Amino acid sequence: MWFEDSGGLVAFTMAGVLTAIFYSRWTAQGGAVQSLLWMAALAPVLLAAGFLLRPLGGIAKLGDTPSWILICTAISVAVFALLAYIVDLRGHETWFALIRPAGTSTLMCYLLTYIHYSIFRMLPSGWRLPLGLRSGDIGLLKSVVFSLLIVVLTGWLEKRKFRLSV
């Protein structure tokens, strides 16, 4: 187990913040392609570093291990670069219209799941899905469908001017 409060999640978060700042500044200066190339080069380096540091506690989210942080950061940087390429350089922002409410009404999306679970817990136990539908590949698919339903509901509420803000 890695040290408690190692700062790993803070490092992971800051990597995302720095990636976004880096990209937005380079894009403002006309260097969007260069920044994406840098990210495309950085992701495999972070991934390799993550696997090289594996002996220092393995790859464990709960342990906040350096390997896990580096591997997840590599994946995040690569996905960020891919999405920035698709949306900003290729102009396909409409591809993501279905999940847009997850970014524009994040708090609503987050809280709707808790409202759903609270209501669901009040129902009799016979309303619960069988274990076979809550685990394995089918459970994963159910989770994706549930997430999409929450996002679609959030979008529906957003269109009716029902929004939460802090």
N, C-alpha and C. Protein backbone atom coordinates (compact mmCIF):
# COMPACT_ATOMS: atom_id res chain seq x y z
N MET A 1 0.84 -1.19 0.00
CA MET A 1 0.00 0.00 0.00
C MET A 1 0.88 1.24 0.00
N TRP A 2 0.49 2.21 -0.81
CA TRP A 2 1.22 3.46 -0.90
C TRP A 2 0.90 4.33 0.32
N PHE A 3 1.68 5.36 0.56
CA PHE A 3 1.46 6.22 1.71
C PHE A 3 0.07 6.85 1.65
N GLU A 4 -0.55 6.95 2.80
CA GLU A 4 -1.85 7.57 2.86
C GLU A 4 -1.69 9.06 2.57
N ASP A 5 -2.66 9.61 1.85
CA ASP A 5 -2.59 11.02 1.45
C ASP A 5 -1.27 11.33 0.74
N SER A 6 -0.94 10.49 -0.21
CA SER A 6 0.32 10.65 -0.94
C SER A 6 0.31 11.83 -1.89
N GLY A 7 -0.86 12.37 -2.15
CA GLY A 7 -0.95 13.46 -3.10
C GLY A 7 -1.17 12.98 -4.52
N GLY A 8 -1.35 11.68 -4.69
CA GLY A 8 -1.52 11.12 -6.01
C GLY A 8 -2.74 11.65 -6.74
N LEU A 9 -3.88 11.72 -6.04
CA LEU A 9 -5.09 12.22 -6.69
C LEU A 9 -4.99 13.71 -6.98
N VAL A 10 -4.26 14.42 -6.13
CA VAL A 10 -4.03 15.85 -6.40
C VAL A 10 -3.17 15.99 -7.65
N ALA A 11 -2.15 15.13 -7.78
CA ALA A 11 -1.30 15.15 -8.97
C ALA A 11 -2.10 14.82 -10.22
N PHE A 12 -2.97 13.84 -10.11
CA PHE A 12 -3.82 13.44 -11.24
C PHE A 12 -4.72 14.60 -11.65
N THR A 13 -5.32 15.26 -10.68
CA THR A 13 -6.19 16.40 -10.95
C THR A 13 -5.41 17.55 -11.58
N MET A 14 -4.24 17.84 -11.01
CA MET A 14 -3.43 18.94 -11.54
C MET A 14 -2.93 18.64 -12.95
N ALA A 15 -2.68 17.38 -13.25
CA ALA A 15 -2.29 17.02 -14.62
C ALA A 15 -3.41 17.38 -15.59
N GLY A 16 -4.65 17.14 -15.19
CA GLY A 16 -5.79 17.51 -16.03
C GLY A 16 -5.92 19.02 -16.18
N VAL A 17 -5.73 19.73 -15.09
CA VAL A 17 -5.80 21.19 -15.13
C VAL A 17 -4.71 21.74 -16.04
N LEU A 18 -3.49 21.25 -15.86
CA LEU A 18 -2.38 21.73 -16.68
C LEU A 18 -2.56 21.38 -18.16
N THR A 19 -3.10 20.20 -18.43
CA THR A 19 -3.36 19.81 -19.82
C THR A 19 -4.34 20.77 -20.47
N ALA A 20 -5.42 21.09 -19.75
CA ALA A 20 -6.43 22.01 -20.28
C ALA A 20 -5.85 23.42 -20.48
N ILE A 21 -5.08 23.89 -19.52
CA ILE A 21 -4.47 25.23 -19.64
C ILE A 21 -3.48 25.25 -20.81
N PHE A 22 -2.63 24.23 -20.87
CA PHE A 22 -1.66 24.11 -21.95
C PHE A 22 -2.36 24.15 -23.30
N TYR A 23 -3.39 23.37 -23.46
CA TYR A 23 -4.11 23.30 -24.73
C TYR A 23 -4.78 24.63 -25.06
N SER A 24 -5.46 25.23 -24.09
CA SER A 24 -6.19 26.47 -24.37
C SER A 24 -5.22 27.61 -24.72
N ARG A 25 -4.08 27.68 -24.07
CA ARG A 25 -3.11 28.74 -24.38
C ARG A 25 -2.50 28.54 -25.76
N TRP A 26 -2.12 27.32 -26.08
CA TRP A 26 -1.54 27.06 -27.41
C TRP A 26 -2.59 27.28 -28.49
N THR A 27 -3.82 26.91 -28.22
CA THR A 27 -4.89 27.09 -29.21
C THR A 27 -5.13 28.57 -29.45
N ALA A 28 -5.12 29.38 -28.39
CA ALA A 28 -5.32 30.82 -28.52
C ALA A 28 -4.22 31.46 -29.36
N GLN A 29 -3.04 30.85 -29.37
CA GLN A 29 -1.91 31.37 -30.15
C GLN A 29 -1.80 30.69 -31.52
N GLY A 30 -2.81 29.90 -31.88
CA GLY A 30 -2.81 29.24 -33.17
C GLY A 30 -2.01 27.95 -33.23
N GLY A 31 -1.69 27.40 -32.08
CA GLY A 31 -0.87 26.19 -32.04
C GLY A 31 -1.62 24.95 -31.59
N ALA A 32 -2.87 24.81 -31.98
CA ALA A 32 -3.67 23.66 -31.54
C ALA A 32 -3.06 22.34 -32.00
N VAL A 33 -2.62 22.28 -33.25
CA VAL A 33 -2.04 21.04 -33.78
C VAL A 33 -0.77 20.68 -33.02
N GLN A 34 0.09 21.67 -32.76
CA GLN A 34 1.32 21.40 -32.02
C GLN A 34 1.05 20.89 -30.62
N SER A 35 0.05 21.47 -29.96
CA SER A 35 -0.26 21.02 -28.59
C SER A 35 -0.78 19.59 -28.61
N LEU A 36 -1.60 19.24 -29.62
CA LEU A 36 -2.10 17.87 -29.72
C LEU A 36 -0.96 16.90 -30.01
N LEU A 37 0.01 17.32 -30.81
CA LEU A 37 1.18 16.46 -31.08
C LEU A 37 1.99 16.24 -29.80
N TRP A 38 2.14 17.31 -29.01
CA TRP A 38 2.85 17.17 -27.73
C TRP A 38 2.12 16.19 -26.80
N MET A 39 0.79 16.32 -26.76
CA MET A 39 0.02 15.40 -25.91
C MET A 39 0.12 13.97 -26.43
N ALA A 40 0.09 13.81 -27.74
CA ALA A 40 0.22 12.47 -28.32
C ALA A 40 1.58 11.87 -28.02
N ALA A 41 2.60 12.70 -27.89
CA ALA A 41 3.93 12.20 -27.52
C ALA A 41 4.05 11.97 -26.02
N LEU A 42 3.37 12.80 -25.23
CA LEU A 42 3.47 12.69 -23.77
C LEU A 42 2.75 11.45 -23.24
N ALA A 43 1.60 11.12 -23.81
CA ALA A 43 0.80 9.99 -23.31
C ALA A 43 1.59 8.68 -23.24
N PRO A 44 2.31 8.25 -24.30
CA PRO A 44 3.07 7.00 -24.19
C PRO A 44 4.21 7.08 -23.17
N VAL A 45 4.78 8.27 -22.99
CA VAL A 45 5.85 8.43 -22.00
C VAL A 45 5.28 8.23 -20.59
N LEU A 46 4.13 8.83 -20.32
CA LEU A 46 3.48 8.64 -19.02
C LEU A 46 3.09 7.18 -18.80
N LEU A 47 2.58 6.55 -19.86
CA LEU A 47 2.20 5.14 -19.78
C LEU A 47 3.41 4.26 -19.47
N ALA A 48 4.51 4.49 -20.15
CA ALA A 48 5.73 3.72 -19.91
C ALA A 48 6.24 3.94 -18.49
N ALA A 49 6.21 5.20 -18.03
CA ALA A 49 6.65 5.50 -16.67
C ALA A 49 5.78 4.78 -15.65
N GLY A 50 4.48 4.73 -15.93
CA GLY A 50 3.56 4.03 -15.03
C GLY A 50 3.90 2.56 -14.91
N PHE A 51 4.20 1.92 -16.02
CA PHE A 51 4.53 0.49 -15.97
C PHE A 51 5.92 0.26 -15.39
N LEU A 52 6.84 1.18 -15.61
CA LEU A 52 8.18 1.04 -15.03
C LEU A 52 8.16 1.18 -13.51
N LEU A 53 7.26 2.00 -12.99
CA LEU A 53 7.16 2.21 -11.54
C LEU A 53 6.27 1.18 -10.84
N ARG A 54 5.79 0.24 -11.59
CA ARG A 54 4.89 -0.78 -11.04
C ARG A 54 5.44 -1.50 -9.80
N PRO A 55 6.74 -1.77 -9.72
CA PRO A 55 7.26 -2.43 -8.51
C PRO A 55 7.07 -1.62 -7.21
N LEU A 56 6.77 -0.34 -7.30
CA LEU A 56 6.59 0.50 -6.11
C LEU A 56 5.17 0.45 -5.55
N GLY A 57 4.53 -0.68 -5.60
CA GLY A 57 3.20 -0.80 -5.00
C GLY A 57 2.16 -1.33 -5.96
N GLY A 58 2.57 -1.66 -7.16
CA GLY A 58 1.62 -2.20 -8.12
C GLY A 58 0.79 -1.11 -8.76
N ILE A 59 -0.29 -1.52 -9.41
CA ILE A 59 -1.21 -0.59 -10.06
C ILE A 59 -2.52 -0.70 -9.29
N ALA A 60 -2.77 0.28 -8.42
CA ALA A 60 -3.94 0.20 -7.56
C ALA A 60 -4.55 1.58 -7.34
N LYS A 61 -5.82 1.71 -7.70
CA LYS A 61 -6.54 2.96 -7.48
C LYS A 61 -6.67 3.24 -5.99
N LEU A 62 -7.08 2.23 -5.24
CA LEU A 62 -7.28 2.44 -3.80
C LEU A 62 -5.97 2.77 -3.09
N GLY A 63 -4.87 2.27 -3.60
CA GLY A 63 -3.58 2.57 -2.99
C GLY A 63 -2.97 3.86 -3.48
N ASP A 64 -3.63 4.52 -4.45
CA ASP A 64 -3.10 5.78 -4.98
C ASP A 64 -1.67 5.61 -5.45
N THR A 65 -1.34 4.49 -6.06
CA THR A 65 0.05 4.21 -6.43
C THR A 65 0.51 5.10 -7.58
N PRO A 66 1.81 5.39 -7.62
CA PRO A 66 2.34 6.20 -8.72
C PRO A 66 2.02 5.59 -10.09
N SER A 67 2.08 4.27 -10.18
CA SER A 67 1.78 3.62 -11.46
C SER A 67 0.35 3.91 -11.90
N TRP A 68 -0.58 3.78 -10.98
CA TRP A 68 -1.98 4.02 -11.32
C TRP A 68 -2.18 5.46 -11.77
N ILE A 69 -1.59 6.41 -11.04
CA ILE A 69 -1.72 7.83 -11.39
C ILE A 69 -1.15 8.09 -12.78
N LEU A 70 0.04 7.57 -13.06
CA LEU A 70 0.67 7.82 -14.35
C LEU A 70 -0.09 7.15 -15.50
N ILE A 71 -0.55 5.94 -15.29
CA ILE A 71 -1.29 5.24 -16.34
C ILE A 71 -2.62 5.95 -16.62
N CYS A 72 -3.33 6.32 -15.58
CA CYS A 72 -4.60 7.04 -15.77
C CYS A 72 -4.38 8.42 -16.38
N THR A 73 -3.31 9.08 -16.00
CA THR A 73 -2.99 10.37 -16.60
C THR A 73 -2.68 10.20 -18.08
N ALA A 74 -1.95 9.15 -18.43
CA ALA A 74 -1.65 8.88 -19.84
C ALA A 74 -2.93 8.67 -20.64
N ILE A 75 -3.83 7.88 -20.09
CA ILE A 75 -5.11 7.62 -20.76
C ILE A 75 -5.90 8.92 -20.90
N SER A 76 -5.94 9.71 -19.83
CA SER A 76 -6.69 10.97 -19.85
C SER A 76 -6.12 11.95 -20.87
N VAL A 77 -4.81 12.08 -20.93
CA VAL A 77 -4.18 12.98 -21.89
C VAL A 77 -4.47 12.51 -23.32
N ALA A 78 -4.38 11.21 -23.56
CA ALA A 78 -4.66 10.67 -24.89
C ALA A 78 -6.11 10.90 -25.30
N VAL A 79 -7.04 10.66 -24.38
CA VAL A 79 -8.46 10.87 -24.69
C VAL A 79 -8.75 12.36 -24.89
N PHE A 80 -8.14 13.21 -24.07
CA PHE A 80 -8.29 14.66 -24.24
C PHE A 80 -7.83 15.07 -25.63
N ALA A 81 -6.66 14.60 -26.03
CA ALA A 81 -6.12 14.94 -27.34
C ALA A 81 -7.04 14.44 -28.46
N LEU A 82 -7.53 13.23 -28.32
CA LEU A 82 -8.44 12.67 -29.33
C LEU A 82 -9.72 13.48 -29.43
N LEU A 83 -10.33 13.80 -28.29
CA LEU A 83 -11.57 14.58 -28.30
C LEU A 83 -11.34 16.00 -28.81
N ALA A 84 -10.21 16.61 -28.45
CA ALA A 84 -9.90 17.95 -28.95
C ALA A 84 -9.72 17.91 -30.47
N TYR A 85 -9.10 16.86 -30.96
CA TYR A 85 -8.94 16.71 -32.41
C TYR A 85 -10.30 16.57 -33.10
N ILE A 86 -11.14 15.70 -32.56
CA ILE A 86 -12.46 15.45 -33.17
C ILE A 86 -13.32 16.71 -33.13
N VAL A 87 -13.35 17.39 -31.99
CA VAL A 87 -14.25 18.53 -31.82
C VAL A 87 -13.67 19.82 -32.40
N ASP A 88 -12.45 20.16 -32.01
CA ASP A 88 -11.89 21.45 -32.38
C ASP A 88 -11.28 21.49 -33.78
N LEU A 89 -10.61 20.43 -34.17
CA LEU A 89 -9.96 20.47 -35.48
C LEU A 89 -10.83 19.93 -36.61
N ARG A 90 -11.63 18.93 -36.31
CA ARG A 90 -12.50 18.35 -37.34
C ARG A 90 -13.91 18.93 -37.31
N GLY A 91 -14.26 19.64 -36.25
CA GLY A 91 -15.56 20.31 -36.17
C GLY A 91 -16.76 19.40 -35.97
N HIS A 92 -16.56 18.29 -35.29
CA HIS A 92 -17.66 17.34 -35.07
C HIS A 92 -18.27 17.45 -33.67
N GLU A 93 -18.52 18.66 -33.21
CA GLU A 93 -19.07 18.82 -31.86
C GLU A 93 -20.47 18.24 -31.73
N THR A 94 -21.20 18.13 -32.82
CA THR A 94 -22.55 17.58 -32.75
C THR A 94 -22.55 16.08 -32.42
N TRP A 95 -21.42 15.41 -32.60
CA TRP A 95 -21.32 13.99 -32.26
C TRP A 95 -21.61 13.76 -30.78
N PHE A 96 -21.39 14.77 -29.97
CA PHE A 96 -21.49 14.63 -28.54
C PHE A 96 -22.73 15.33 -27.96
N ALA A 97 -23.68 15.66 -28.82
CA ALA A 97 -24.88 16.37 -28.38
C ALA A 97 -25.65 15.59 -27.32
N LEU A 98 -25.71 14.28 -27.45
CA LEU A 98 -26.46 13.46 -26.50
C LEU A 98 -25.92 13.58 -25.08
N ILE A 99 -24.60 13.65 -24.94
CA ILE A 99 -24.00 13.69 -23.60
C ILE A 99 -23.62 15.11 -23.16
N ARG A 100 -23.95 16.11 -23.96
CA ARG A 100 -23.64 17.49 -23.61
C ARG A 100 -24.16 17.89 -22.23
N PRO A 101 -25.38 17.51 -21.83
CA PRO A 101 -25.86 17.91 -20.50
C PRO A 101 -24.96 17.45 -19.35
N ALA A 102 -24.20 16.40 -19.54
CA ALA A 102 -23.28 15.96 -18.49
C ALA A 102 -22.21 17.01 -18.21
N GLY A 103 -21.90 17.82 -19.21
CA GLY A 103 -20.91 18.88 -19.03
C GLY A 103 -21.52 20.22 -18.70
N THR A 104 -22.74 20.45 -19.15
CA THR A 104 -23.37 21.75 -18.92
C THR A 104 -24.20 21.80 -17.64
N SER A 105 -24.66 20.67 -17.18
CA SER A 105 -25.43 20.59 -15.92
C SER A 105 -24.87 19.44 -15.07
N THR A 106 -23.61 19.52 -14.80
CA THR A 106 -22.90 18.44 -14.10
C THR A 106 -23.49 18.16 -12.73
N LEU A 107 -23.78 19.20 -11.98
CA LEU A 107 -24.33 19.01 -10.63
C LEU A 107 -25.68 18.30 -10.68
N MET A 108 -26.51 18.68 -11.63
CA MET A 108 -27.82 18.02 -11.78
C MET A 108 -27.62 16.53 -12.10
N CYS A 109 -26.73 16.25 -13.02
CA CYS A 109 -26.45 14.86 -13.41
C CYS A 109 -25.99 14.05 -12.19
N TYR A 110 -25.13 14.64 -11.44
CA TYR A 110 -24.56 13.99 -10.25
C TYR A 110 -25.65 13.70 -9.22
N LEU A 111 -26.49 14.68 -8.96
CA LEU A 111 -27.51 14.53 -7.91
C LEU A 111 -28.67 13.64 -8.34
N LEU A 112 -29.00 13.60 -9.61
CA LEU A 112 -30.10 12.75 -10.06
C LEU A 112 -29.87 11.28 -9.73
N THR A 113 -28.63 10.84 -9.78
CA THR A 113 -28.35 9.44 -9.43
C THR A 113 -28.69 9.17 -7.97
N TYR A 114 -28.37 10.12 -7.09
CA TYR A 114 -28.67 9.94 -5.67
C TYR A 114 -30.19 9.98 -5.42
N ILE A 115 -30.88 10.84 -6.16
CA ILE A 115 -32.34 10.87 -6.04
C ILE A 115 -32.92 9.53 -6.49
N HIS A 116 -32.42 9.02 -7.61
CA HIS A 116 -32.88 7.71 -8.11
C HIS A 116 -32.64 6.62 -7.07
N TYR A 117 -31.43 6.55 -6.52
CA TYR A 117 -31.13 5.50 -5.55
C TYR A 117 -31.96 5.64 -4.28
N SER A 118 -32.23 6.86 -3.86
CA SER A 118 -33.06 7.07 -2.67
C SER A 118 -34.48 6.57 -2.90
N ILE A 119 -35.04 6.91 -4.05
CA ILE A 119 -36.40 6.43 -4.38
C ILE A 119 -36.39 4.91 -4.51
N PHE A 120 -35.37 4.38 -5.17
CA PHE A 120 -35.28 2.94 -5.41
C PHE A 120 -35.20 2.16 -4.10
N ARG A 121 -34.50 2.71 -3.11
CA ARG A 121 -34.35 2.03 -1.81
C ARG A 121 -35.66 1.98 -1.04
N MET A 122 -36.57 2.89 -1.33
CA MET A 122 -37.86 2.90 -0.64
C MET A 122 -38.81 1.86 -1.21
N LEU A 123 -38.53 1.36 -2.40
CA LEU A 123 -39.39 0.36 -3.04
C LEU A 123 -39.16 -1.02 -2.41
N PRO A 124 -40.12 -1.90 -2.51
CA PRO A 124 -39.93 -3.27 -1.98
C PRO A 124 -38.77 -3.97 -2.68
N SER A 125 -38.17 -4.93 -2.00
CA SER A 125 -36.98 -5.61 -2.54
C SER A 125 -37.27 -6.35 -3.84
N GLY A 126 -38.51 -6.67 -4.13
CA GLY A 126 -38.85 -7.35 -5.37
C GLY A 126 -38.59 -6.50 -6.61
N TRP A 127 -38.39 -5.19 -6.43
CA TRP A 127 -38.12 -4.29 -7.55
C TRP A 127 -36.67 -4.33 -7.97
N ARG A 128 -35.83 -4.97 -7.19
CA ARG A 128 -34.40 -5.02 -7.48
C ARG A 128 -34.11 -5.99 -8.62
N LEU A 129 -33.21 -5.61 -9.49
CA LEU A 129 -32.84 -6.48 -10.59
C LEU A 129 -32.11 -7.71 -10.08
N PRO A 130 -32.26 -8.84 -10.75
CA PRO A 130 -31.52 -10.03 -10.35
C PRO A 130 -30.01 -9.81 -10.49
N LEU A 131 -29.23 -10.54 -9.73
CA LEU A 131 -27.78 -10.38 -9.73
C LEU A 131 -27.19 -10.52 -11.13
N GLY A 132 -27.74 -11.40 -11.93
CA GLY A 132 -27.25 -11.61 -13.29
C GLY A 132 -27.35 -10.37 -14.17
N LEU A 133 -28.28 -9.48 -13.84
CA LEU A 133 -28.43 -8.25 -14.60
C LEU A 133 -27.68 -7.08 -13.97
N ARG A 134 -27.08 -7.33 -12.81
CA ARG A 134 -26.35 -6.27 -12.11
C ARG A 134 -24.84 -6.51 -12.09
N SER A 135 -24.38 -7.58 -12.72
CA SER A 135 -22.95 -7.89 -12.67
C SER A 135 -22.47 -8.39 -14.03
N GLY A 136 -21.19 -8.49 -14.16
CA GLY A 136 -20.60 -8.98 -15.40
C GLY A 136 -20.83 -8.03 -16.56
N ASP A 137 -20.77 -8.56 -17.76
CA ASP A 137 -20.93 -7.76 -18.97
C ASP A 137 -22.32 -7.13 -19.05
N ILE A 138 -23.33 -7.88 -18.66
CA ILE A 138 -24.70 -7.35 -18.68
C ILE A 138 -24.83 -6.20 -17.67
N GLY A 139 -24.22 -6.34 -16.51
CA GLY A 139 -24.24 -5.28 -15.51
C GLY A 139 -23.52 -4.03 -16.00
N LEU A 140 -22.43 -4.23 -16.73
CA LEU A 140 -21.71 -3.10 -17.30
C LEU A 140 -22.58 -2.37 -18.33
N LEU A 141 -23.23 -3.14 -19.18
CA LEU A 141 -24.13 -2.56 -20.17
C LEU A 141 -25.29 -1.82 -19.48
N LYS A 142 -25.84 -2.41 -18.42
CA LYS A 142 -26.90 -1.76 -17.66
C LYS A 142 -26.42 -0.43 -17.08
N SER A 143 -25.18 -0.39 -16.61
CA SER A 143 -24.63 0.84 -16.06
C SER A 143 -24.48 1.92 -17.13
N VAL A 144 -24.07 1.53 -18.32
CA VAL A 144 -23.94 2.49 -19.42
C VAL A 144 -25.32 3.04 -19.78
N VAL A 145 -26.32 2.16 -19.89
CA VAL A 145 -27.68 2.59 -20.22
C VAL A 145 -28.22 3.51 -19.12
N PHE A 146 -27.99 3.14 -17.85
CA PHE A 146 -28.44 3.98 -16.73
C PHE A 146 -27.80 5.36 -16.81
N SER A 147 -26.50 5.40 -17.07
CA SER A 147 -25.79 6.69 -17.17
C SER A 147 -26.37 7.54 -18.29
N LEU A 148 -26.61 6.92 -19.44
CA LEU A 148 -27.19 7.67 -20.56
C LEU A 148 -28.59 8.18 -20.23
N LEU A 149 -29.38 7.37 -19.54
CA LEU A 149 -30.72 7.81 -19.13
C LEU A 149 -30.64 9.02 -18.19
N ILE A 150 -29.71 8.99 -17.27
CA ILE A 150 -29.53 10.12 -16.34
C ILE A 150 -29.13 11.37 -17.12
N VAL A 151 -28.23 11.23 -18.08
CA VAL A 151 -27.80 12.38 -18.88
C VAL A 151 -28.95 12.91 -19.74
N VAL A 152 -29.71 12.01 -20.34
CA VAL A 152 -30.86 12.43 -21.15
C VAL A 152 -31.90 13.13 -20.28
N LEU A 153 -32.17 12.59 -19.09
CA LEU A 153 -33.10 13.24 -18.16
C LEU A 153 -32.59 14.63 -17.76
N THR A 154 -31.29 14.73 -17.53
CA THR A 154 -30.70 16.03 -17.21
C THR A 154 -30.91 17.02 -18.35
N GLY A 155 -30.70 16.56 -19.58
CA GLY A 155 -30.92 17.41 -20.74
C GLY A 155 -32.37 17.84 -20.87
N TRP A 156 -33.27 16.92 -20.60
CA TRP A 156 -34.71 17.22 -20.65
C TRP A 156 -35.05 18.30 -19.61
N LEU A 157 -34.52 18.15 -18.40
CA LEU A 157 -34.76 19.15 -17.35
C LEU A 157 -34.12 20.48 -17.70
N GLU A 158 -32.94 20.43 -18.29
CA GLU A 158 -32.23 21.64 -18.68
C GLU A 158 -33.03 22.43 -19.73
N LYS A 159 -33.63 21.72 -20.69
CA LYS A 159 -34.44 22.38 -21.72
C LYS A 159 -35.66 23.06 -21.12
N ARG A 160 -36.12 22.59 -19.99
CA ARG A 160 -37.25 23.19 -19.30
C ARG A 160 -36.81 24.20 -18.25
N LYS A 161 -35.57 24.67 -18.39
CA LYS A 161 -34.98 25.72 -17.54
C LYS A 161 -34.84 25.30 -16.08
N PHE A 162 -34.78 24.01 -15.81
CA PHE A 162 -34.58 23.52 -14.45
C PHE A 162 -33.10 23.19 -14.31
N ARG A 163 -32.37 24.08 -13.63
CA ARG A 163 -30.93 23.91 -13.48
C ARG A 163 -30.52 24.16 -12.04
N LEU A 164 -29.47 23.49 -11.64
CA LEU A 164 -28.89 23.72 -10.33
C LEU A 164 -27.59 24.47 -10.51
N SER A 165 -27.31 25.38 -9.61
CA SER A 165 -26.04 26.10 -9.68
C SER A 165 -25.54 26.35 -8.27
N VAL A 166 -24.27 26.56 -8.20
CA VAL A 166 -23.63 26.77 -6.90
C VAL A 166 -23.31 28.23 -6.74
